[in-house]
C-alpha atoms as a PDB file:
ATOM      1  CA  UNK A   1      86.458  38.916  86.406  1.00  0.00           C
ATOM      2  CA  UNK A   2      86.619  42.347  87.911  1.00  0.00           C
ATOM      3  CA  UNK A   3      87.609  44.179  84.715  1.00  0.00           C
ATOM      4  CA  UNK A   4      84.859  42.023  82.796  1.00  0.00           C
ATOM      5  CA  UNK A   5      82.241  43.677  85.882  1.00  0.00           C
ATOM      6  CA  UNK A   6      84.177  46.907  85.358  1.00  0.00           C
ATOM      7  CA  UNK A   7      83.721  46.889  82.011  1.00  0.00           C
ATOM      8  CA  UNK A   8      80.083  46.044  81.873  1.00  0.00           C
ATOM      9  CA  UNK A   9      79.393  48.944  84.489  1.00  0.00           C
ATOM     10  CA  UNK A  10      81.306  51.235  82.218  1.00  0.00           C
ATOM     11  CA  UNK A  11      79.041  49.791  79.301  1.00  0.00           C
ATOM     12  CA  UNK A  12      75.664  50.365  81.372  1.00  0.00           C
ATOM     13  CA  UNK A  13      76.675  54.159  82.184  1.00  0.00           C
ATOM     14  CA  UNK A  14      77.373  54.731  78.721  1.00  0.00           C
ATOM     15  CA  UNK A  15      74.413  53.419  77.328  1.00  0.00           C
ATOM     16  CA  UNK A  16      71.827  55.105  80.075  1.00  0.00           C
ATOM     17  CA  UNK A  17      73.704  58.076  80.427  1.00  0.00           C
ATOM     18  CA  UNK A  18      75.727  59.022  76.927  1.00  0.00           C
ATOM     19  CA  UNK A  19      79.057  60.809  76.537  1.00  0.00           C
ATOM     20  CA  UNK A  20      78.679  64.380  75.383  1.00  0.00           C
ATOM     21  CA  UNK A  21      80.569  66.998  74.330  1.00  0.00           C
ATOM     22  CA  UNK A  22      80.692  69.831  76.717  1.00  0.00           C
ATOM     23  CA  UNK A  23      81.053  72.605  74.694  1.00  0.00           C
ATOM     24  CA  UNK A  24      78.633  71.832  71.850  1.00  0.00           C
ATOM     25  CA  UNK A  25      76.443  68.947  73.874  1.00  0.00           C
ATOM     26  CA  UNK A  26      76.817  66.535  70.757  1.00  0.00           C
ATOM     27  CA  UNK A  27      77.652  62.856  71.068  1.00  0.00           C
ATOM     28  CA  UNK A  28      81.432  62.563  71.916  1.00  0.00           C
ATOM     29  CA  UNK A  29      83.562  60.067  73.184  1.00  0.00           C
ATOM     30  CA  UNK A  30      85.970  62.698  74.611  1.00  0.00           C
ATOM     31  CA  UNK A  31      85.001  65.471  76.865  1.00  0.00           C
ATOM     32  CA  UNK A  32      85.283  67.706  74.027  1.00  0.00           C
ATOM     33  CA  UNK A  33      84.681  66.451  70.592  1.00  0.00           C
ATOM     34  CA  UNK A  34      87.283  67.305  67.683  1.00  0.00           C
ATOM     35  CA  UNK A  35      85.542  69.948  66.252  1.00  0.00           C
ATOM     36  CA  UNK A  36      85.378  71.635  69.350  1.00  0.00           C
ATOM     37  CA  UNK A  37      88.789  71.355  70.345  1.00  0.00           C
ATOM     38  CA  UNK A  38      89.929  72.766  66.759  1.00  0.00           C
ATOM     39  CA  UNK A  39      87.745  75.865  67.623  1.00  0.00           C
ATOM     40  CA  UNK A  40      89.641  76.303  70.899  1.00  0.00           C
ATOM     41  CA  UNK A  41      91.922  79.687  70.518  1.00  0.00           C
ATOM     42  CA  UNK A  42      94.964  79.071  71.239  1.00  0.00           C
ATOM     43  CA  UNK A  43      98.293  81.370  71.706  1.00  0.00           C
ATOM     44  CA  UNK A  44     101.834  80.581  70.159  1.00  0.00           C
ATOM     45  CA  UNK A  45     103.815  82.357  72.501  1.00  0.00           C
ATOM     46  CA  UNK A  46     104.350  83.580  76.189  1.00  0.00           C
ATOM     47  CA  UNK A  47     104.698  87.533  76.974  1.00  0.00           C
ATOM     48  CA  UNK A  48     106.278  89.688  79.840  1.00  0.00           C
ATOM     49  CA  UNK A  49     104.584  90.203  82.650  1.00  0.00           C
ATOM     50  CA  UNK A  50     105.757  93.753  83.116  1.00  0.00           C
ATOM     51  CA  UNK A  51     105.480  95.072  79.650  1.00  0.00           C
ATOM     52  CA  UNK A  52     103.541  92.194  78.069  1.00  0.00           C
ATOM     53  CA  UNK A  53     105.965  92.052  75.258  1.00  0.00           C
ATOM     54  CA  UNK A  54     105.806  88.292  73.006  1.00  0.00           C
ATOM     55  CA  UNK A  55     108.295  86.217  73.989  1.00  0.00           C
ATOM     56  CA  UNK A  56     108.643  82.996  71.488  1.00  0.00           C
ATOM     57  CA  UNK A  57     109.988  79.592  72.035  1.00  0.00           C
ATOM     58  CA  UNK A  58     113.493  81.082  71.404  1.00  0.00           C
ATOM     59  CA  UNK A  59     113.741  83.562  74.118  1.00  0.00           C
ATOM     60  CA  UNK A  60     114.332  82.661  77.971  1.00  0.00           C
ATOM     61  CA  UNK A  61     112.639  86.172  79.116  1.00  0.00           C
ATOM     62  CA  UNK A  62     111.782  89.742  77.767  1.00  0.00           C
ATOM     63  CA  UNK A  63     114.411  91.484  75.880  1.00  0.00           C
ATOM     64  CA  UNK A  64     113.625  94.714  77.579  1.00  0.00           C
ATOM     65  CA  UNK A  65     115.438  96.271  80.051  1.00  0.00           C
ATOM     66  CA  UNK A  66     112.903  96.906  83.255  1.00  0.00           C
ATOM     67  CA  UNK A  67     113.234  99.116  86.158  1.00  0.00           C
ATOM     68  CA  UNK A  68     110.605  97.430  87.749  1.00  0.00           C
ATOM     69  CA  UNK A  69     111.563  94.305  90.643  1.00  0.00           C
ATOM     70  CA  UNK A  70     110.239  91.186  88.314  1.00  0.00           C
ATOM     71  CA  UNK A  71     110.526  87.703  89.497  1.00  0.00           C
ATOM     72  CA  UNK A  72     108.797  85.420  86.671  1.00  0.00           C
ATOM     73  CA  UNK A  73     111.184  85.200  83.341  1.00  0.00           C
ATOM     74  CA  UNK A  74     107.495  84.790  80.944  1.00  0.00           C
ATOM     75  CA  UNK A  75     104.082  83.576  81.185  1.00  0.00           C
ATOM     76  CA  UNK A  76     103.175  81.331  78.722  1.00  0.00           C
ATOM     77  CA  UNK A  77      99.086  80.917  78.307  1.00  0.00           C
ATOM     78  CA  UNK A  78      97.818  78.087  76.312  1.00  0.00           C
ATOM     79  CA  UNK A  79      94.914  80.619  75.191  1.00  0.00           C
ATOM     80  CA  UNK A  80      93.064  83.859  75.524  1.00  0.00           C
ATOM     81  CA  UNK A  81      90.566  83.468  78.108  1.00  0.00           C
ATOM     82  CA  UNK A  82      87.158  83.509  75.911  1.00  0.00           C
ATOM     83  CA  UNK A  83      83.601  82.582  76.459  1.00  0.00           C
ATOM     84  CA  UNK A  84      84.696  78.972  75.417  1.00  0.00           C
ATOM     85  CA  UNK A  85      87.087  78.808  78.076  1.00  0.00           C
ATOM     86  CA  UNK A  86      85.185  80.878  80.570  1.00  0.00           C
ATOM     87  CA  UNK A  87      82.751  77.434  80.394  1.00  0.00           C
ATOM     88  CA  UNK A  88      85.142  74.478  80.512  1.00  0.00           C
ATOM     89  CA  UNK A  89      86.951  76.104  83.470  1.00  0.00           C
ATOM     90  CA  UNK A  90      84.014  77.272  85.319  1.00  0.00           C
ATOM     91  CA  UNK A  91      83.117  73.124  84.918  1.00  0.00           C
ATOM     92  CA  UNK A  92      86.726  72.503  85.637  1.00  0.00           C
ATOM     93  CA  UNK A  93      86.791  74.150  89.162  1.00  0.00           C
ATOM     94  CA  UNK A  94      83.498  74.718  90.504  1.00  0.00           C
ATOM     95  CA  UNK A  95      81.417  71.860  89.038  1.00  0.00           C
ATOM     96  CA  UNK A  96      83.861  68.767  89.908  1.00  0.00           C
ATOM     97  CA  UNK A  97      84.855  67.643  85.832  1.00  0.00           C
ATOM     98  CA  UNK A  98      88.080  66.865  86.905  1.00  0.00           C
ATOM     99  CA  UNK A  99      88.732  65.609  83.299  1.00  0.00           C
ATOM    100  CA  UNK A 100      88.462  68.810  81.613  1.00  0.00           C
ATOM    101  CA  UNK A 101      91.991  69.532  84.022  1.00  0.00           C
ATOM    102  CA  UNK A 102      93.641  66.422  82.641  1.00  0.00           C
ATOM    103  CA  UNK A 103      92.632  67.284  79.251  1.00  0.00           C
ATOM    104  CA  UNK A 104      94.642  70.853  79.258  1.00  0.00           C
ATOM    105  CA  UNK A 105      97.407  69.490  81.220  1.00  0.00           C
ATOM    106  CA  UNK A 106      98.441  67.326  78.590  1.00  0.00           C
ATOM    107  CA  UNK A 107      98.139  70.287  76.396  1.00  0.00           C
ATOM    108  CA  UNK A 108     100.318  71.899  78.632  1.00  0.00           C
ATOM    109  CA  UNK A 109     103.104  69.377  78.385  1.00  0.00           C
ATOM    110  CA  UNK A 110     102.551  69.296  74.937  1.00  0.00           C
ATOM    111  CA  UNK A 111     104.069  72.666  75.110  1.00  0.00           C
ATOM    112  CA  UNK A 112     106.622  72.357  77.626  1.00  0.00           C
ATOM    113  CA  UNK A 113     108.151  69.323  76.052  1.00  0.00           C
ATOM    114  CA  UNK A 114     108.306  71.151  72.404  1.00  0.00           C
ATOM    115  CA  UNK A 115     109.152  74.402  73.389  1.00  0.00           C
ATOM    116  CA  UNK A 116     112.962  75.572  73.953  1.00  0.00           C
ATOM    117  CA  UNK A 117     112.661  77.991  76.199  1.00  0.00           C
ATOM    118  CA  UNK A 118     111.188  75.353  78.867  1.00  0.00           C
ATOM    119  CA  UNK A 119     114.232  72.983  78.215  1.00  0.00           C
ATOM    120  CA  UNK A 120     115.956  74.004  81.372  1.00  0.00           C
ATOM    121  CA  UNK A 121     113.282  73.978  84.022  1.00  0.00           C
ATOM    122  CA  UNK A 122     113.416  71.817  86.520  1.00  0.00           C
ATOM    123  CA  UNK A 123     109.778  71.119  88.033  1.00  0.00           C
ATOM    124  CA  UNK A 124     106.365  72.194  88.601  1.00  0.00           C
ATOM    125  CA  UNK A 125     104.688  73.833  91.256  1.00  0.00           C
ATOM    126  CA  UNK A 126     101.258  74.271  91.215  1.00  0.00           C
ATOM    127  CA  UNK A 127      99.521  77.312  93.186  1.00  0.00           C
ATOM    128  CA  UNK A 128      98.274  76.072  96.440  1.00  0.00           C
ATOM    129  CA  UNK A 129      94.844  76.526  97.843  1.00  0.00           C
ATOM    130  CA  UNK A 130      93.806  76.999 101.325  1.00  0.00           C
ATOM    131  CA  UNK A 131      93.324  74.097 103.291  1.00  0.00           C
ATOM    132  CA  UNK A 132      89.442  75.605 103.777  1.00  0.00           C
ATOM    133  CA  UNK A 133      89.360  76.182 100.063  1.00  0.00           C
ATOM    134  CA  UNK A 134      91.010  72.460  99.149  1.00  0.00           C
ATOM    135  CA  UNK A 135      88.183  71.051 101.781  1.00  0.00           C
ATOM    136  CA  UNK A 136      85.348  73.118  99.738  1.00  0.00           C
ATOM    137  CA  UNK A 137      86.263  71.553  96.170  1.00  0.00           C
ATOM    138  CA  UNK A 138      88.141  68.612  96.937  1.00  0.00           C
ATOM    139  CA  UNK A 139      90.885  69.090  94.730  1.00  0.00           C
ATOM    140  CA  UNK A 140      93.330  71.820  93.895  1.00  0.00           C
ATOM    141  CA  UNK A 141      92.641  72.701  90.137  1.00  0.00           C
ATOM    142  CA  UNK A 142      96.227  73.430  89.425  1.00  0.00           C
ATOM    143  CA  UNK A 143      97.797  70.153  90.812  1.00  0.00           C
ATOM    144  CA  UNK A 144      95.533  68.321  88.506  1.00  0.00           C
ATOM    145  CA  UNK A 145      97.041  70.517  85.786  1.00  0.00           C
ATOM    146  CA  UNK A 146     100.509  69.777  86.901  1.00  0.00           C
ATOM    147  CA  UNK A 147     100.026  66.361  87.419  1.00  0.00           C
ATOM    148  CA  UNK A 148      98.444  65.676  83.758  1.00  0.00           C
ATOM    149  CA  UNK A 149     101.235  68.042  82.134  1.00  0.00           C
ATOM    150  CA  UNK A 150     104.145  66.059  83.897  1.00  0.00           C
ATOM    151  CA  UNK A 151     103.035  62.259  82.449  1.00  0.00           C
ATOM    152  CA  UNK A 152     103.335  64.212  79.152  1.00  0.00           C
ATOM    153  CA  UNK A 153     106.515  66.274  79.456  1.00  0.00           C
ATOM    154  CA  UNK A 154     108.190  64.484  82.191  1.00  0.00           C
ATOM    155  CA  UNK A 155     109.041  67.049  84.370  1.00  0.00           C
ATOM    156  CA  UNK A 156     108.322  66.266  88.394  1.00  0.00           C
ATOM    157  CA  UNK A 157     105.626  68.208  90.243  1.00  0.00           C
ATOM    158  CA  UNK A 158     107.424  69.457  93.678  1.00  0.00           C
ATOM    159  CA  UNK A 159     104.891  68.775  96.414  1.00  0.00           C
ATOM    160  CA  UNK A 160     104.839  70.109 100.272  1.00  0.00           C
ATOM    161  CA  UNK A 161     107.352  72.635  98.783  1.00  0.00           C
ATOM    162  CA  UNK A 162     104.509  75.744  99.230  1.00  0.00           C
ATOM    163  CA  UNK A 163     101.779  76.305 101.225  1.00  0.00           C
ATOM    164  CA  UNK A 164      98.621  78.830 101.706  1.00  0.00           C
ATOM    165  CA  UNK A 165      98.799  80.246 104.943  1.00  0.00           C
ATOM    166  CA  UNK A 166      96.153  82.854 104.581  1.00  0.00           C
ATOM    167  CA  UNK A 167      92.555  82.464 103.319  1.00  0.00           C
ATOM    168  CA  UNK A 168      92.205  85.319 101.078  1.00  0.00           C
ATOM    169  CA  UNK A 169      89.376  87.068  99.625  1.00  0.00           C
ATOM    170  CA  UNK A 170      88.718  86.153  96.083  1.00  0.00           C
ATOM    171  CA  UNK A 171      90.703  88.068  93.248  1.00  0.00           C
ATOM    172  CA  UNK A 172      87.741  88.474  90.887  1.00  0.00           C
ATOM    173  CA  UNK A 173      86.344  91.980  91.691  1.00  0.00           C
ATOM    174  CA  UNK A 174      89.578  93.446  93.002  1.00  0.00           C
ATOM    175  CA  UNK A 175      92.176  96.047  91.134  1.00  0.00           C
ATOM    176  CA  UNK A 176      95.337  95.115  89.867  1.00  0.00           C
ATOM    177  CA  UNK A 177      97.141  96.953  92.948  1.00  0.00           C
ATOM    178  CA  UNK A 178      94.238  95.653  95.526  1.00  0.00           C
ATOM    179  CA  UNK A 179      95.016  92.126  94.259  1.00  0.00           C
ATOM    180  CA  UNK A 180      98.497  92.393  95.123  1.00  0.00           C
ATOM    181  CA  UNK A 181      97.569  93.785  98.594  1.00  0.00           C
ATOM    182  CA  UNK A 182      95.430  90.367  99.045  1.00  0.00           C
ATOM    183  CA  UNK A 183      98.043  87.968  98.787  1.00  0.00           C
ATOM    184  CA  UNK A 184     101.017  89.662 100.176  1.00  0.00           C
ATOM    185  CA  UNK A 185     101.997  87.588 102.627  1.00  0.00           C
ATOM    186  CA  UNK A 186      99.418  84.928 101.806  1.00  0.00           C
ATOM    187  CA  UNK A 187     102.300  81.819 101.022  1.00  0.00           C
ATOM    188  CA  UNK A 188     104.932  80.204 102.511  1.00  0.00           C
ATOM    189  CA  UNK A 189     107.699  78.146 101.686  1.00  0.00           C
ATOM    190  CA  UNK A 190     107.942  74.792 103.822  1.00  0.00           C
ATOM    191  CA  UNK A 191     110.914  73.258 102.051  1.00  0.00           C
ATOM    192  CA  UNK A 192     113.548  75.422 101.114  1.00  0.00           C
ATOM    193  CA  UNK A 193     116.332  72.740 100.341  1.00  0.00           C
ATOM    194  CA  UNK A 194     113.777  71.239  97.737  1.00  0.00           C
ATOM    195  CA  UNK A 195     113.764  74.872  96.248  1.00  0.00           C
ATOM    196  CA  UNK A 196     117.496  76.346  96.042  1.00  0.00           C
ATOM    197  CA  UNK A 197     119.444  76.414  92.739  1.00  0.00           C
ATOM    198  CA  UNK A 198     115.889  74.991  90.919  1.00  0.00           C
ATOM    199  CA  UNK A 199     114.745  76.324  87.716  1.00  0.00           C
ATOM    200  CA  UNK A 200     110.410  76.490  88.583  1.00  0.00           C
ATOM    201  CA  UNK A 201     107.354  76.519  86.403  1.00  0.00           C
ATOM    202  CA  UNK A 202     104.492  77.633  88.006  1.00  0.00           C
ATOM    203  CA  UNK A 203     100.856  76.100  87.205  1.00  0.00           C
ATOM    204  CA  UNK A 204      97.825  77.894  87.422  1.00  0.00           C
ATOM    205  CA  UNK A 205      94.685  77.490  85.494  1.00  0.00           C
ATOM    206  CA  UNK A 206      94.201  81.235  84.509  1.00  0.00           C
ATOM    207  CA  UNK A 207      96.335  84.309  85.139  1.00  0.00           C
ATOM    208  CA  UNK A 208      94.781  87.887  84.861  1.00  0.00           C
ATOM    209  CA  UNK A 209      97.200  90.677  86.330  1.00  0.00           C
ATOM    210  CA  UNK A 210      99.692  87.824  87.792  1.00  0.00           C
ATOM    211  CA  UNK A 211      99.754  89.276  91.444  1.00  0.00           C
ATOM    212  CA  UNK A 212      99.159  85.725  92.543  1.00  0.00           C
ATOM    213  CA  UNK A 213     101.945  84.093  91.140  1.00  0.00           C
ATOM    214  CA  UNK A 214     104.332  86.826  91.084  1.00  0.00           C
ATOM    215  CA  UNK A 215     103.994  86.687  95.279  1.00  0.00           C
ATOM    216  CA  UNK A 216     104.648  83.109  94.818  1.00  0.00           C
ATOM    217  CA  UNK A 217     108.142  83.456  92.956  1.00  0.00           C
ATOM    218  CA  UNK A 218     109.094  86.146  95.114  1.00  0.00           C
ATOM    219  CA  UNK A 219     109.075  83.953  97.931  1.00  0.00           C
ATOM    220  CA  UNK A 220     110.813  80.928  95.747  1.00  0.00           C
ATOM    221  CA  UNK A 221     113.465  83.704  94.667  1.00  0.00           C
ATOM    222  CA  UNK A 222     113.856  84.715  98.142  1.00  0.00           C
ATOM    223  CA  UNK A 223     114.384  80.795  98.822  1.00  0.00           C
ATOM    224  CA  UNK A 224     117.134  80.067  96.719  1.00  0.00           C
ATOM    225  CA  UNK A 225     115.018  79.554  93.274  1.00  0.00           C
ATOM    226  CA  UNK A 226     117.162  80.308  90.078  1.00  0.00           C
ATOM    227  CA  UNK A 227     114.516  81.009  86.954  1.00  0.00           C
ATOM    228  CA  UNK A 228     110.871  80.831  87.267  1.00  0.00           C
ATOM    229  CA  UNK A 229     108.298  81.191  84.811  1.00  0.00           C
ATOM    230  CA  UNK A 230     104.111  80.660  84.686  1.00  0.00           C
ATOM    231  CA  UNK A 231     102.332  78.483  82.467  1.00  0.00           C
ATOM    232  CA  UNK A 232      98.279  78.876  82.679  1.00  0.00           C
ATOM    233  CA  UNK A 233      95.396  77.644  80.652  1.00  0.00           C
ATOM    234  CA  UNK A 234      94.303  80.987  79.885  1.00  0.00           C
ATOM    235  CA  UNK A 235      94.789  84.674  79.931  1.00  0.00           C
ATOM    236  CA  UNK A 236      92.565  87.714  79.763  1.00  0.00           C
ATOM    237  CA  UNK A 237      93.417  90.597  78.085  1.00  0.00           C
ATOM    238  CA  UNK A 238      92.956  93.461  80.736  1.00  0.00           C
ATOM    239  CA  UNK A 239      89.957  94.924  78.804  1.00  0.00           C
ATOM    240  CA  UNK A 240      87.859  91.349  78.905  1.00  0.00           C
ATOM    241  CA  UNK A 241      88.947  90.817  82.717  1.00  0.00           C
ATOM    242  CA  UNK A 242      85.581  92.682  84.028  1.00  0.00           C
ATOM    243  CA  UNK A 243      83.843  91.629  80.804  1.00  0.00           C
ATOM    244  CA  UNK A 244      84.220  87.527  82.185  1.00  0.00           C
ATOM    245  CA  UNK A 245      84.478  88.708  85.401  1.00  0.00           C
ATOM    246  CA  UNK A 246      87.838  86.926  86.572  1.00  0.00           C
END
């Protein structure tokens, strides 16, 4: 009886509030219609966080030797940040449309299941929100992505490993050096024994300069993590950072 009532309720909602594609506004059974999904930009490889060299599925890290101390082997975005991704990510983060995160999380899971350089990675760690920001948003967008990716590729989401202990200002209008200073000391590992010897995939929505994920990787390495990479929805080129306000 309950299942029948729920079906009737959803049928009523669909009648009075028909589903539409969030990009084109046309009727769609899914949040993004098949036509718009095909039009979304895609990236076929990751990149080195130091020199931006492309890193394919056959590589585990950049082949160039860097003098810089770097804690992340590579960053793998689904796509370049463009107007379509800006619209979807904004709806996901600030308008409460969590299904967008589930959509992109599934895409992340497919990539991780398919590409060889993820084979030996053990766990997901979503970038944590400060408790104040979490109260405002009611959910952590990185956690939504990680949970959905986990359902596809089977890698577990490690919770209560790291927490954000400083409520930092938005990174949006800061320079690369200011971003690094802004997040320095903002995170704390709370379960060292669960991270020792693990290969970690950090999950975030957008990676611009990589300051946030690099700081997280730094303290994870100090706590005994082995290899660390980052996977995100989108990455803006430096020239587009100011254009999109990210």
